[in-house]
Amino acid sequence: MSFHVDIMPKTLHFKQPAGTSRGVYTERKVYYLRLTSRDFPFREGFGECSFLPDLSCDAIPDYESRLTELCQKARNGWMSDTAIWWKDWRDYPSMIMGMQTALWHFRSGSYQFFDTPFSRGEVGIPINGLIWMGSFDEMRMRADEKLKQGFRCIKLKIGAIGWDEELELLRYLRRYGPPDLELRVDANGAFHPDEALERMEELVQFKLHSIEQPIRAGQWKAMRELCDNAPFAIALDEELIGVNNPEEKCALLEEIQPAYIVLKPSLHGGFAGADEWIRLAKERGVEWWATSALESNIGLNAIAQWCATKQLYMPQGLGTGELFTNNWDVPLQLEGDQMWYRVV
């Protein structure tokens, strides 16, 4: 089957400034793909291609021209089988994710891509409550909101404000959160290798589940030493960006030997690339969870639908679907600490 693909640029506007390790976002430019075919004139499929400046490996000046090239190939028919084409586009994970999503949407005829208990509205997917970066008072207020909403897993970004204040926030969560509250922290590479282990020793008192990316990516030997000596589990995130070939993935997993990897499909190879990460990680005893990366509801739904096809052992980082003023109307709902797919 051959397709026609339209590229639709759009600027998304955040409801409130979103503080991240790469600065504060008030808006975000994304590209939507609209898939149509003469064979099915009344059907269309939408996918989201979204990269993060200064982070994504495909955040390139000629992004739109490369995306146009990919879309032109969809007319040749081979785009229908992801297994054929995605390996040639490994270095463009957000484009892979957008095209895969559009194909899933087109084939299913709805946002219910697969037949799972989640897509049938029978179960929700547990997610972590993310405390956005901000001042100490803002972050404590957001912590209160997550506790009131009933989140049983909370993720705190650290390395953004003073260390003593971050310790106080963790102390606050342990004091007022339920006894079984799971705490994750994400350092986004904030620690220097010489201080990272000492910092982690200070965090032991809070009985953390894990820490994401304690030191910046690319320091494999130092990260391996941390994984060998850390008092609790380390998860890799930014470390995976740009590691797109299976040989490189195997080398990274075998050299560092982390407890977890955190998969963002728009950063880590689309869904095909994420599936490859999962297979290679499992072969080496490494667990995983998935996280969205500031996508609109088109991308968020695709990640949720894909997650629901897996055997999930822990809360996922799927976001809330409430980031933007001009989001898509997709039947995702947050109920307590779970993401649900609800079709009225």
C-alpha atoms as a PDB file:
ATOM      1  CA  MET A   1       0.000   0.000   0.000  1.00  0.00           C
ATOM      2  CA  SER A   2       1.272   3.467  -0.854  1.00  0.00           C
ATOM      3  CA  PHE A   3       0.528   6.525   1.230  1.00  0.00           C
ATOM      4  CA  HIS A   4       0.401  10.253   0.912  1.00  0.00           C
ATOM      5  CA  VAL A   5       1.837  12.123   3.885  1.00  0.00           C
ATOM      6  CA  ASP A   6       1.195  15.743   4.801  1.00  0.00           C
ATOM      7  CA  ILE A   7       3.533  17.492   7.241  1.00  0.00           C
ATOM      8  CA  MET A   8       1.768  19.901   9.578  1.00  0.00           C
ATOM      9  CA  PRO A   9       4.024  22.101  11.766  1.00  0.00           C
ATOM     10  CA  LYS A  10       2.400  23.366  14.943  1.00  0.00           C
ATOM     11  CA  THR A  11       3.474  25.383  17.964  1.00  0.00           C
ATOM     12  CA  LEU A  12       2.168  24.037  21.275  1.00  0.00           C
ATOM     13  CA  HIS A  13       1.696  26.462  24.150  1.00  0.00           C
ATOM     14  CA  PHE A  14       2.321  25.320  27.728  1.00  0.00           C
ATOM     15  CA  LYS A  15      -0.351  26.121  30.282  1.00  0.00           C
ATOM     16  CA  GLN A  16       2.438  27.211  32.608  1.00  0.00           C
ATOM     17  CA  PRO A  17       6.203  27.497  32.083  1.00  0.00           C
ATOM     18  CA  ALA A  18       7.759  24.036  32.154  1.00  0.00           C
ATOM     19  CA  GLY A  19      11.113  23.957  33.924  1.00  0.00           C
ATOM     20  CA  THR A  20      13.478  21.263  32.659  1.00  0.00           C
ATOM     21  CA  SER A  21      17.189  20.516  32.810  1.00  0.00           C
ATOM     22  CA  ARG A  22      17.455  22.253  29.420  1.00  0.00           C
ATOM     23  CA  GLY A  23      15.790  25.483  30.516  1.00  0.00           C
ATOM     24  CA  VAL A  24      12.221  26.704  30.799  1.00  0.00           C
ATOM     25  CA  TYR A  25       9.739  26.038  27.994  1.00  0.00           C
ATOM     26  CA  THR A  26       6.730  28.256  27.282  1.00  0.00           C
ATOM     27  CA  GLU A  27       6.047  26.804  23.841  1.00  0.00           C
ATOM     28  CA  ARG A  28       7.178  23.905  21.709  1.00  0.00           C
ATOM     29  CA  LYS A  29       7.273  23.332  17.958  1.00  0.00           C
ATOM     30  CA  VAL A  30       6.275  19.897  16.701  1.00  0.00           C
ATOM     31  CA  TYR A  31       5.492  18.312  13.353  1.00  0.00           C
ATOM     32  CA  TYR A  32       2.378  16.212  12.807  1.00  0.00           C
ATOM     33  CA  LEU A  33       2.151  13.664  10.013  1.00  0.00           C
ATOM     34  CA  ARG A  34      -1.200  13.049   8.324  1.00  0.00           C
ATOM     35  CA  LEU A  35      -1.307   9.745   6.461  1.00  0.00           C
ATOM     36  CA  THR A  36      -3.875   9.056   3.724  1.00  0.00           C
ATOM     37  CA  SER A  37      -4.243   6.440   0.989  1.00  0.00           C
ATOM     38  CA  ARG A  38      -6.339   6.124  -2.158  1.00  0.00           C
ATOM     39  CA  ASP A  39      -7.058   2.541  -1.130  1.00  0.00           C
ATOM     40  CA  PHE A  40      -8.985   3.791   1.935  1.00  0.00           C
ATOM     41  CA  PRO A  41     -10.264   7.269   0.993  1.00  0.00           C
ATOM     42  CA  PHE A  42     -12.131   7.879   4.258  1.00  0.00           C
ATOM     43  CA  ARG A  43      -9.319   6.915   6.628  1.00  0.00           C
ATOM     44  CA  GLU A  44      -6.386   8.936   7.967  1.00  0.00           C
ATOM     45  CA  GLY A  45      -3.633   8.474  10.509  1.00  0.00           C
ATOM     46  CA  PHE A  46      -1.863  11.091  12.614  1.00  0.00           C
ATOM     47  CA  GLY A  47       1.587  10.880  14.168  1.00  0.00           C
ATOM     48  CA  GLU A  48       3.715  13.302  16.169  1.00  0.00           C
ATOM     49  CA  CYS A  49       7.363  14.080  15.450  1.00  0.00           C
ATOM     50  CA  SER A  50       8.779  16.127  18.303  1.00  0.00           C
ATOM     51  CA  PHE A  51      12.400  16.659  19.277  1.00  0.00           C
ATOM     52  CA  LEU A  52      13.950  18.524  22.190  1.00  0.00           C
ATOM     53  CA  PRO A  53      16.505  21.206  21.254  1.00  0.00           C
ATOM     54  CA  ASP A  54      20.023  20.578  22.584  1.00  0.00           C
ATOM     55  CA  LEU A  55      19.030  17.060  23.657  1.00  0.00           C
ATOM     56  CA  SER A  56      17.577  14.933  20.836  1.00  0.00           C
ATOM     57  CA  CYS A  57      20.098  13.360  18.475  1.00  0.00           C
ATOM     58  CA  ASP A  58      17.892  14.444  15.558  1.00  0.00           C
ATOM     59  CA  ALA A  59      17.567  18.081  16.633  1.00  0.00           C
ATOM     60  CA  ILE A  60      19.205  19.191  13.381  1.00  0.00           C
ATOM     61  CA  PRO A  61      18.952  22.407  11.320  1.00  0.00           C
ATOM     62  CA  ASP A  62      17.497  20.599   8.292  1.00  0.00           C
ATOM     63  CA  TYR A  63      14.976  18.591  10.324  1.00  0.00           C
ATOM     64  CA  GLU A  64      12.031  19.479   8.112  1.00  0.00           C
ATOM     65  CA  SER A  65      13.815  18.549   4.876  1.00  0.00           C
ATOM     66  CA  ARG A  66      14.848  15.164   6.294  1.00  0.00           C
ATOM     67  CA  LEU A  67      11.303  14.571   7.478  1.00  0.00           C
ATOM     68  CA  THR A  68      10.055  15.455   3.990  1.00  0.00           C
ATOM     69  CA  GLU A  69      12.445  12.868   2.549  1.00  0.00           C
ATOM     70  CA  LEU A  70      11.070  10.204   4.877  1.00  0.00           C
ATOM     71  CA  CYS A  71       7.500  11.087   3.947  1.00  0.00           C
ATOM     72  CA  GLN A  72       8.276  10.900   0.229  1.00  0.00           C
ATOM     73  CA  LYS A  73       9.384   7.293   0.723  1.00  0.00           C
ATOM     74  CA  ALA A  74       5.951   6.460   2.093  1.00  0.00           C
ATOM     75  CA  ARG A  75       4.642   6.693  -1.473  1.00  0.00           C
ATOM     76  CA  ASN A  76       6.759   3.710  -2.487  1.00  0.00           C
ATOM     77  CA  GLY A  77       4.770   1.196  -0.467  1.00  0.00           C
ATOM     78  CA  TRP A  78       7.579  -0.145   1.730  1.00  0.00           C
ATOM     79  CA  MET A  79       6.617   2.176   4.573  1.00  0.00           C
ATOM     80  CA  SER A  80       3.817  -0.210   5.583  1.00  0.00           C
ATOM     81  CA  ASP A  81       6.320  -2.591   7.192  1.00  0.00           C
ATOM     82  CA  THR A  82       8.306  -0.808   9.903  1.00  0.00           C
ATOM     83  CA  ALA A  83      10.794  -3.699  10.083  1.00  0.00           C
ATOM     84  CA  ILE A  84      11.962  -2.830   6.543  1.00  0.00           C
ATOM     85  CA  TRP A  85      12.641   0.896   6.807  1.00  0.00           C
ATOM     86  CA  TRP A  86      13.289   1.985  10.388  1.00  0.00           C
ATOM     87  CA  LYS A  87      16.868   0.681  10.544  1.00  0.00           C
ATOM     88  CA  ASP A  88      17.845   3.099   7.771  1.00  0.00           C
ATOM     89  CA  TRP A  89      16.469   5.949   9.899  1.00  0.00           C
ATOM     90  CA  ARG A  90      17.937   4.988  13.284  1.00  0.00           C
ATOM     91  CA  ASP A  91      19.480   8.420  13.725  1.00  0.00           C
ATOM     92  CA  TYR A  92      16.055  10.112  13.551  1.00  0.00           C
ATOM     93  CA  PRO A  93      14.089   8.662  16.480  1.00  0.00           C
ATOM     94  CA  SER A  94      11.382  11.333  16.618  1.00  0.00           C
ATOM     95  CA  MET A  95      10.643  10.810  12.926  1.00  0.00           C
ATOM     96  CA  ILE A  96      10.442   7.050  13.405  1.00  0.00           C
ATOM     97  CA  MET A  97       8.023   7.502  16.287  1.00  0.00           C
ATOM     98  CA  GLY A  98       5.833   9.902  14.305  1.00  0.00           C
ATOM     99  CA  MET A  99       5.632   7.634  11.271  1.00  0.00           C
ATOM    100  CA  GLN A 100       4.979   4.517  13.371  1.00  0.00           C
ATOM    101  CA  THR A 101       2.214   6.319  15.244  1.00  0.00           C
ATOM    102  CA  ALA A 102       0.594   7.500  12.012  1.00  0.00           C
ATOM    103  CA  LEU A 103       0.674   3.944  10.636  1.00  0.00           C
ATOM    104  CA  TRP A 104      -0.875   2.519  13.813  1.00  0.00           C
ATOM    105  CA  HIS A 105      -3.584   5.182  13.754  1.00  0.00           C
ATOM    106  CA  PHE A 106      -4.313   4.587  10.082  1.00  0.00           C
ATOM    107  CA  ARG A 107      -4.539   0.811  10.435  1.00  0.00           C
ATOM    108  CA  SER A 108      -6.709   0.844  13.558  1.00  0.00           C
ATOM    109  CA  GLY A 109      -9.012   3.619  12.410  1.00  0.00           C
ATOM    110  CA  SER A 110      -8.996   5.048  15.945  1.00  0.00           C
ATOM    111  CA  TYR A 111      -6.666   6.005  18.797  1.00  0.00           C
ATOM    112  CA  GLN A 112      -7.126   2.464  20.134  1.00  0.00           C
ATOM    113  CA  PHE A 113      -4.100   1.030  18.361  1.00  0.00           C
ATOM    114  CA  PHE A 114      -4.044  -2.438  19.923  1.00  0.00           C
ATOM    115  CA  ASP A 115      -6.535  -4.756  21.586  1.00  0.00           C
ATOM    116  CA  THR A 116      -5.428  -4.648  25.225  1.00  0.00           C
ATOM    117  CA  PRO A 117      -7.217  -4.301  28.573  1.00  0.00           C
ATOM    118  CA  PHE A 118      -5.956  -0.694  28.642  1.00  0.00           C
ATOM    119  CA  SER A 119      -7.297   0.173  25.184  1.00  0.00           C
ATOM    120  CA  ARG A 120     -10.640  -1.413  26.120  1.00  0.00           C
ATOM    121  CA  GLY A 121     -10.856   0.850  29.175  1.00  0.00           C
ATOM    122  CA  GLU A 122     -10.674  -2.070  31.620  1.00  0.00           C
ATOM    123  CA  VAL A 123      -7.427  -1.141  33.411  1.00  0.00           C
ATOM    124  CA  GLY A 124      -5.257   1.930  33.837  1.00  0.00           C
ATOM    125  CA  ILE A 125      -1.489   2.271  33.653  1.00  0.00           C
ATOM    126  CA  PRO A 126       0.109   3.376  36.956  1.00  0.00           C
ATOM    127  CA  ILE A 127       2.330   6.422  36.436  1.00  0.00           C
ATOM    128  CA  ASN A 128       4.726   8.418  38.560  1.00  0.00           C
ATOM    129  CA  GLY A 129       3.828  11.924  39.685  1.00  0.00           C
ATOM    130  CA  LEU A 130       6.482  14.302  38.363  1.00  0.00           C
ATOM    131  CA  ILE A 131       7.383  17.337  40.450  1.00  0.00           C
ATOM    132  CA  TRP A 132       8.388  20.003  37.953  1.00  0.00           C
ATOM    133  CA  MET A 133      11.448  22.152  38.581  1.00  0.00           C
ATOM    134  CA  GLY A 134      10.912  25.504  40.239  1.00  0.00           C
ATOM    135  CA  SER A 135      11.649  27.348  43.446  1.00  0.00           C
ATOM    136  CA  PHE A 136      11.622  25.447  46.736  1.00  0.00           C
ATOM    137  CA  ASP A 137       8.137  26.736  47.605  1.00  0.00           C
ATOM    138  CA  GLU A 138       6.790  25.891  44.144  1.00  0.00           C
ATOM    139  CA  MET A 139       8.187  22.373  44.290  1.00  0.00           C
ATOM    140  CA  ARG A 140       6.820  21.784  47.796  1.00  0.00           C
ATOM    141  CA  MET A 141       3.391  22.969  46.638  1.00  0.00           C
ATOM    142  CA  ARG A 142       3.576  20.570  43.698  1.00  0.00           C
ATOM    143  CA  ALA A 143       4.593  17.794  46.065  1.00  0.00           C
ATOM    144  CA  ASP A 144       1.462  18.483  48.129  1.00  0.00           C
ATOM    145  CA  GLU A 145      -0.652  18.274  44.974  1.00  0.00           C
ATOM    146  CA  LYS A 146       0.801  14.896  44.021  1.00  0.00           C
ATOM    147  CA  LEU A 147       0.220  13.506  47.499  1.00  0.00           C
ATOM    148  CA  LYS A 148      -3.381  14.749  47.515  1.00  0.00           C
ATOM    149  CA  GLN A 149      -3.962  13.178  44.112  1.00  0.00           C
ATOM    150  CA  GLY A 150      -2.942   9.829  45.568  1.00  0.00           C
ATOM    151  CA  PHE A 151       0.280   9.151  43.698  1.00  0.00           C
ATOM    152  CA  ARG A 152       2.089   6.128  45.085  1.00  0.00           C
ATOM    153  CA  CYS A 153       5.240   6.903  43.084  1.00  0.00           C
ATOM    154  CA  ILE A 154       6.727  10.408  42.902  1.00  0.00           C
ATOM    155  CA  LYS A 155       9.678  11.539  40.829  1.00  0.00           C
ATOM    156  CA  LEU A 156      11.684  14.574  41.916  1.00  0.00           C
ATOM    157  CA  LYS A 157      14.148  16.434  39.721  1.00  0.00           C
ATOM    158  CA  ILE A 158      17.315  17.234  41.660  1.00  0.00           C
ATOM    159  CA  GLY A 159      20.347  19.354  40.839  1.00  0.00           C
ATOM    160  CA  ALA A 160      18.278  22.416  39.960  1.00  0.00           C
ATOM    161  CA  ILE A 161      18.022  24.257  43.288  1.00  0.00           C
ATOM    162  CA  GLY A 162      20.213  24.170  46.393  1.00  0.00           C
ATOM    163  CA  TRP A 163      21.234  20.707  47.601  1.00  0.00           C
ATOM    164  CA  ASP A 164      20.017  21.341  51.147  1.00  0.00           C
ATOM    165  CA  GLU A 165      16.620  22.430  49.804  1.00  0.00           C
ATOM    166  CA  GLU A 166      16.367  19.296  47.687  1.00  0.00           C
ATOM    167  CA  LEU A 167      17.137  17.145  50.701  1.00  0.00           C
ATOM    168  CA  GLU A 168      14.437  19.028  52.598  1.00  0.00           C
ATOM    169  CA  LEU A 169      11.923  18.305  49.827  1.00  0.00           C
ATOM    170  CA  LEU A 170      12.698  14.593  50.033  1.00  0.00           C
ATOM    171  CA  ARG A 171      12.437  14.776  53.812  1.00  0.00           C
ATOM    172  CA  TYR A 172       9.045  16.483  53.400  1.00  0.00           C
ATOM    173  CA  LEU A 173       7.788  13.753  51.055  1.00  0.00           C
ATOM    174  CA  ARG A 174       8.878  11.016  53.455  1.00  0.00           C
ATOM    175  CA  ARG A 175       7.309  12.818  56.412  1.00  0.00           C
ATOM    176  CA  TYR A 176       3.911  13.469  54.826  1.00  0.00           C
ATOM    177  CA  GLY A 177       3.700  10.777  52.173  1.00  0.00           C
ATOM    178  CA  PRO A 178       2.304   7.284  52.758  1.00  0.00           C
ATOM    179  CA  PRO A 179       4.724   4.704  54.221  1.00  0.00           C
ATOM    180  CA  ASP A 180       4.867   2.781  50.944  1.00  0.00           C
ATOM    181  CA  LEU A 181       5.492   5.862  48.758  1.00  0.00           C
ATOM    182  CA  GLU A 182       8.025   5.050  46.029  1.00  0.00           C
ATOM    183  CA  LEU A 183      10.497   7.893  45.498  1.00  0.00           C
ATOM    184  CA  ARG A 184      12.559   8.335  42.359  1.00  0.00           C
ATOM    185  CA  VAL A 185      15.009  11.157  41.715  1.00  0.00           C
ATOM    186  CA  ASP A 186      16.393  12.392  38.409  1.00  0.00           C
ATOM    187  CA  ALA A 187      19.698  14.241  38.475  1.00  0.00           C
ATOM    188  CA  ASN A 188      19.924  14.851  34.700  1.00  0.00           C
ATOM    189  CA  GLY A 189      23.697  14.491  34.971  1.00  0.00           C
ATOM    190  CA  ALA A 190      24.025  17.217  37.627  1.00  0.00           C
ATOM    191  CA  PHE A 191      26.694  15.527  39.772  1.00  0.00           C
ATOM    192  CA  HIS A 192      30.434  15.528  39.112  1.00  0.00           C
ATOM    193  CA  PRO A 193      31.868  11.983  39.090  1.00  0.00           C
ATOM    194  CA  ASP A 194      34.070  12.841  42.084  1.00  0.00           C
ATOM    195  CA  GLU A 195      31.061  13.807  44.230  1.00  0.00           C
ATOM    196  CA  ALA A 196      28.324  11.531  42.907  1.00  0.00           C
ATOM    197  CA  LEU A 197      28.839   8.633  45.301  1.00  0.00           C
ATOM    198  CA  GLU A 198      28.962  10.948  48.301  1.00  0.00           C
ATOM    199  CA  ARG A 199      25.735  12.611  47.166  1.00  0.00           C
ATOM    200  CA  MET A 200      24.070   9.229  46.799  1.00  0.00           C
ATOM    201  CA  GLU A 201      25.185   8.231  50.298  1.00  0.00           C
ATOM    202  CA  GLU A 202      23.361  11.322  51.600  1.00  0.00           C
ATOM    203  CA  LEU A 203      20.229  10.165  49.765  1.00  0.00           C
ATOM    204  CA  VAL A 204      20.191   6.690  51.336  1.00  0.00           C
ATOM    205  CA  GLN A 205      18.158   7.943  54.309  1.00  0.00           C
ATOM    206  CA  PHE A 206      15.167   8.512  52.030  1.00  0.00           C
ATOM    207  CA  LYS A 207      14.992   4.894  50.822  1.00  0.00           C
ATOM    208  CA  LEU A 208      14.894   5.815  47.159  1.00  0.00           C
ATOM    209  CA  HIS A 209      13.827   3.449  44.428  1.00  0.00           C
ATOM    210  CA  SER A 210      16.414   4.794  41.976  1.00  0.00           C
ATOM    211  CA  ILE A 211      18.301   7.762  40.622  1.00  0.00           C
ATOM    212  CA  GLU A 212      18.328   8.646  36.936  1.00  0.00           C
ATOM    213  CA  GLN A 213      21.525   9.768  35.253  1.00  0.00           C
ATOM    214  CA  PRO A 214      23.565  10.928  38.282  1.00  0.00           C
ATOM    215  CA  ILE A 215      26.453  12.135  36.077  1.00  0.00           C
ATOM    216  CA  ARG A 216      26.404  13.496  32.541  1.00  0.00           C
ATOM    217  CA  ALA A 217      26.267  11.045  29.653  1.00  0.00           C
ATOM    218  CA  GLY A 218      29.347   9.721  27.882  1.00  0.00           C
ATOM    219  CA  GLN A 219      31.409   8.814  30.965  1.00  0.00           C
ATOM    220  CA  TRP A 220      30.957   5.061  30.747  1.00  0.00           C
ATOM    221  CA  LYS A 221      33.825   4.069  33.009  1.00  0.00           C
ATOM    222  CA  ALA A 222      32.783   6.494  35.772  1.00  0.00           C
ATOM    223  CA  MET A 223      29.142   5.416  35.431  1.00  0.00           C
ATOM    224  CA  ARG A 224      30.127   1.752  35.710  1.00  0.00           C
ATOM    225  CA  GLU A 225      32.033   2.490  38.918  1.00  0.00           C
ATOM    226  CA  LEU A 226      28.946   4.222  40.298  1.00  0.00           C
ATOM    227  CA  CYS A 227      26.713   1.298  39.369  1.00  0.00           C
ATOM    228  CA  ASP A 228      29.124  -1.078  41.095  1.00  0.00           C
ATOM    229  CA  ASN A 229      29.286   0.944  44.319  1.00  0.00           C
ATOM    230  CA  ALA A 230      26.015   2.866  44.543  1.00  0.00           C
ATOM    231  CA  PRO A 231      23.835   2.233  47.616  1.00  0.00           C
ATOM    232  CA  PHE A 232      20.686   2.043  45.473  1.00  0.00           C
ATOM    233  CA  ALA A 233      19.728   1.508  41.833  1.00  0.00           C
ATOM    234  CA  ILE A 234      20.882   3.686  38.947  1.00  0.00           C
ATOM    235  CA  ALA A 235      18.800   4.212  35.800  1.00  0.00           C
ATOM    236  CA  LEU A 236      20.201   5.494  32.503  1.00  0.00           C
ATOM    237  CA  ASP A 237      18.324   8.111  30.506  1.00  0.00           C
ATOM    238  CA  GLU A 238      20.358  10.694  28.562  1.00  0.00           C
ATOM    239  CA  GLU A 239      23.064   8.023  28.299  1.00  0.00           C
ATOM    240  CA  LEU A 240      20.960   6.265  25.667  1.00  0.00           C
ATOM    241  CA  ILE A 241      20.546   9.282  23.370  1.00  0.00           C
ATOM    242  CA  GLY A 242      22.435   8.857  20.113  1.00  0.00           C
ATOM    243  CA  VAL A 243      23.264   5.211  20.838  1.00  0.00           C
ATOM    244  CA  ASN A 244      21.263   3.870  17.928  1.00  0.00           C
ATOM    245  CA  ASN A 245      23.041   0.795  16.564  1.00  0.00           C
ATOM    246  CA  PRO A 246      22.570  -2.606  18.256  1.00  0.00           C
ATOM    247  CA  GLU A 247      26.313  -3.090  18.629  1.00  0.00           C
ATOM    248  CA  GLU A 248      26.614   0.230  20.487  1.00  0.00           C
ATOM    249  CA  LYS A 249      23.609  -0.599  22.665  1.00  0.00           C
ATOM    250  CA  CYS A 250      25.124  -3.939  23.656  1.00  0.00           C
ATOM    251  CA  ALA A 251      28.470  -2.288  24.414  1.00  0.00           C
ATOM    252  CA  LEU A 252      26.827   0.348  26.621  1.00  0.00           C
ATOM    253  CA  LEU A 253      24.728  -2.156  28.580  1.00  0.00           C
ATOM    254  CA  GLU A 254      27.652  -4.530  29.094  1.00  0.00           C
ATOM    255  CA  GLU A 255      30.109  -1.807  30.073  1.00  0.00           C
ATOM    256  CA  ILE A 256      27.890   0.139  32.492  1.00  0.00           C
ATOM    257  CA  GLN A 257      25.570  -2.654  33.725  1.00  0.00           C
ATOM    258  CA  PRO A 258      22.823  -0.374  35.082  1.00  0.00           C
ATOM    259  CA  ALA A 259      19.834  -1.615  37.049  1.00  0.00           C
ATOM    260  CA  TYR A 260      17.370   0.192  34.757  1.00  0.00           C
ATOM    261  CA  ILE A 261      17.090   2.065  31.499  1.00  0.00           C
ATOM    262  CA  VAL A 262      14.458   4.761  30.995  1.00  0.00           C
ATOM    263  CA  LEU A 263      13.025   4.727  27.478  1.00  0.00           C
ATOM    264  CA  LYS A 264      11.672   7.802  25.715  1.00  0.00           C
ATOM    265  CA  PRO A 265      10.596   6.595  22.257  1.00  0.00           C
ATOM    266  CA  SER A 266      10.946  10.039  20.656  1.00  0.00           C
ATOM    267  CA  LEU A 267      14.573  10.144  21.867  1.00  0.00           C
ATOM    268  CA  HIS A 268      15.577   6.486  21.842  1.00  0.00           C
ATOM    269  CA  GLY A 269      14.693   5.111  18.431  1.00  0.00           C
ATOM    270  CA  GLY A 270      10.942   5.372  18.142  1.00  0.00           C
ATOM    271  CA  PHE A 271       8.960   2.319  19.193  1.00  0.00           C
ATOM    272  CA  ALA A 272      11.045   0.002  17.006  1.00  0.00           C
ATOM    273  CA  GLY A 273      14.242   1.260  18.618  1.00  0.00           C
ATOM    274  CA  ALA A 274      12.727   1.091  22.106  1.00  0.00           C
ATOM    275  CA  ASP A 275      11.678  -2.513  21.456  1.00  0.00           C
ATOM    276  CA  GLU A 276      15.274  -3.272  20.496  1.00  0.00           C
ATOM    277  CA  TRP A 277      16.529  -1.635  23.714  1.00  0.00           C
ATOM    278  CA  ILE A 278      14.088  -3.746  25.737  1.00  0.00           C
ATOM    279  CA  ARG A 279      15.172  -6.992  24.078  1.00  0.00           C
ATOM    280  CA  LEU A 280      18.878  -6.295  24.524  1.00  0.00           C
ATOM    281  CA  ALA A 281      18.394  -5.106  28.104  1.00  0.00           C
ATOM    282  CA  LYS A 282      16.385  -8.165  29.111  1.00  0.00           C
ATOM    283  CA  GLU A 283      19.081 -10.431  27.705  1.00  0.00           C
ATOM    284  CA  ARG A 284      21.465  -8.773  30.175  1.00  0.00           C
ATOM    285  CA  GLY A 285      19.182  -8.652  33.196  1.00  0.00           C
ATOM    286  CA  VAL A 286      18.452  -4.917  32.931  1.00  0.00           C
ATOM    287  CA  GLU A 287      14.886  -3.699  33.640  1.00  0.00           C
ATOM    288  CA  TRP A 288      13.170  -0.688  32.091  1.00  0.00           C
ATOM    289  CA  TRP A 289      10.303   1.747  32.230  1.00  0.00           C
ATOM    290  CA  ALA A 290       9.046   4.255  29.676  1.00  0.00           C
ATOM    291  CA  THR A 291       8.668   8.010  29.877  1.00  0.00           C
ATOM    292  CA  SER A 292       7.053  10.597  27.666  1.00  0.00           C
ATOM    293  CA  ALA A 293       9.091  13.651  26.627  1.00  0.00           C
ATOM    294  CA  LEU A 294       6.742  16.651  26.556  1.00  0.00           C
ATOM    295  CA  GLU A 295       4.666  15.266  23.688  1.00  0.00           C
ATOM    296  CA  SER A 296       1.113  16.356  22.985  1.00  0.00           C
ATOM    297  CA  ASN A 297      -1.699  13.838  23.421  1.00  0.00           C
ATOM    298  CA  ILE A 298      -0.970  12.313  19.991  1.00  0.00           C
ATOM    299  CA  GLY A 299       2.453  11.147  21.135  1.00  0.00           C
ATOM    300  CA  LEU A 300       1.376  10.460  24.711  1.00  0.00           C
ATOM    301  CA  ASN A 301      -1.431   8.163  23.576  1.00  0.00           C
ATOM    302  CA  ALA A 302       0.937   6.262  21.302  1.00  0.00           C
ATOM    303  CA  ILE A 303       3.379   5.677  24.166  1.00  0.00           C
ATOM    304  CA  ALA A 304       0.558   4.572  26.469  1.00  0.00           C
ATOM    305  CA  GLN A 305      -0.913   2.213  23.852  1.00  0.00           C
ATOM    306  CA  TRP A 306       2.548   0.732  23.223  1.00  0.00           C
ATOM    307  CA  CYS A 307       3.275   0.364  26.951  1.00  0.00           C
ATOM    308  CA  ALA A 308       0.010  -1.511  27.388  1.00  0.00           C
ATOM    309  CA  THR A 309       1.276  -4.261  25.070  1.00  0.00           C
ATOM    310  CA  LYS A 310       4.155  -4.950  27.467  1.00  0.00           C
ATOM    311  CA  GLN A 311       4.302  -6.752  30.786  1.00  0.00           C
ATOM    312  CA  LEU A 312       4.687  -3.731  33.069  1.00  0.00           C
ATOM    313  CA  TYR A 313       6.284  -4.181  36.478  1.00  0.00           C
ATOM    314  CA  MET A 314       6.431  -0.607  37.744  1.00  0.00           C
ATOM    315  CA  PRO A 315       4.889   2.853  37.295  1.00  0.00           C
ATOM    316  CA  GLN A 316       5.586   4.482  33.945  1.00  0.00           C
ATOM    317  CA  GLY A 317       6.455   8.129  33.329  1.00  0.00           C
ATOM    318  CA  LEU A 318       3.590   8.959  30.992  1.00  0.00           C
ATOM    319  CA  GLY A 319       2.809  12.521  31.982  1.00  0.00           C
ATOM    320  CA  THR A 320      -0.734  13.753  32.478  1.00  0.00           C
ATOM    321  CA  GLY A 321      -1.891  14.868  29.034  1.00  0.00           C
ATOM    322  CA  GLU A 322      -2.599  18.329  30.440  1.00  0.00           C
ATOM    323  CA  LEU A 323       0.521  20.264  29.438  1.00  0.00           C
ATOM    324  CA  PHE A 324      -0.741  22.421  26.589  1.00  0.00           C
ATOM    325  CA  THR A 325      -3.539  24.924  25.977  1.00  0.00           C
ATOM    326  CA  ASN A 326      -3.937  23.689  22.381  1.00  0.00           C
ATOM    327  CA  ASN A 327      -3.665  19.941  22.901  1.00  0.00           C
ATOM    328  CA  TRP A 328      -5.410  17.239  20.867  1.00  0.00           C
ATOM    329  CA  ASP A 329      -8.709  15.777  21.999  1.00  0.00           C
ATOM    330  CA  VAL A 330      -7.652  12.192  22.677  1.00  0.00           C
ATOM    331  CA  PRO A 331      -9.569   9.953  25.149  1.00  0.00           C
ATOM    332  CA  LEU A 332      -6.867   9.862  27.834  1.00  0.00           C
ATOM    333  CA  GLN A 333      -7.834  10.562  31.434  1.00  0.00           C
ATOM    334  CA  LEU A 334      -5.834  10.788  34.628  1.00  0.00           C
ATOM    335  CA  GLU A 335      -7.619   9.139  37.555  1.00  0.00           C
ATOM    336  CA  GLY A 336      -5.630   9.143  40.776  1.00  0.00           C
ATOM    337  CA  ASP A 337      -2.195   7.885  39.821  1.00  0.00           C
ATOM    338  CA  GLN A 338      -3.257   5.990  36.712  1.00  0.00           C
ATOM    339  CA  MET A 339      -3.638   6.874  33.043  1.00  0.00           C
ATOM    340  CA  TRP A 340      -6.844   5.535  31.491  1.00  0.00           C
ATOM    341  CA  TYR A 341      -8.104   5.293  27.934  1.00  0.00           C
ATOM    342  CA  ARG A 342     -11.785   6.216  28.070  1.00  0.00           C
ATOM    343  CA  VAL A 343     -14.071   6.142  25.058  1.00  0.00           C
ATOM    344  CA  VAL A 344     -17.517   7.620  25.684  1.00  0.00           C
END
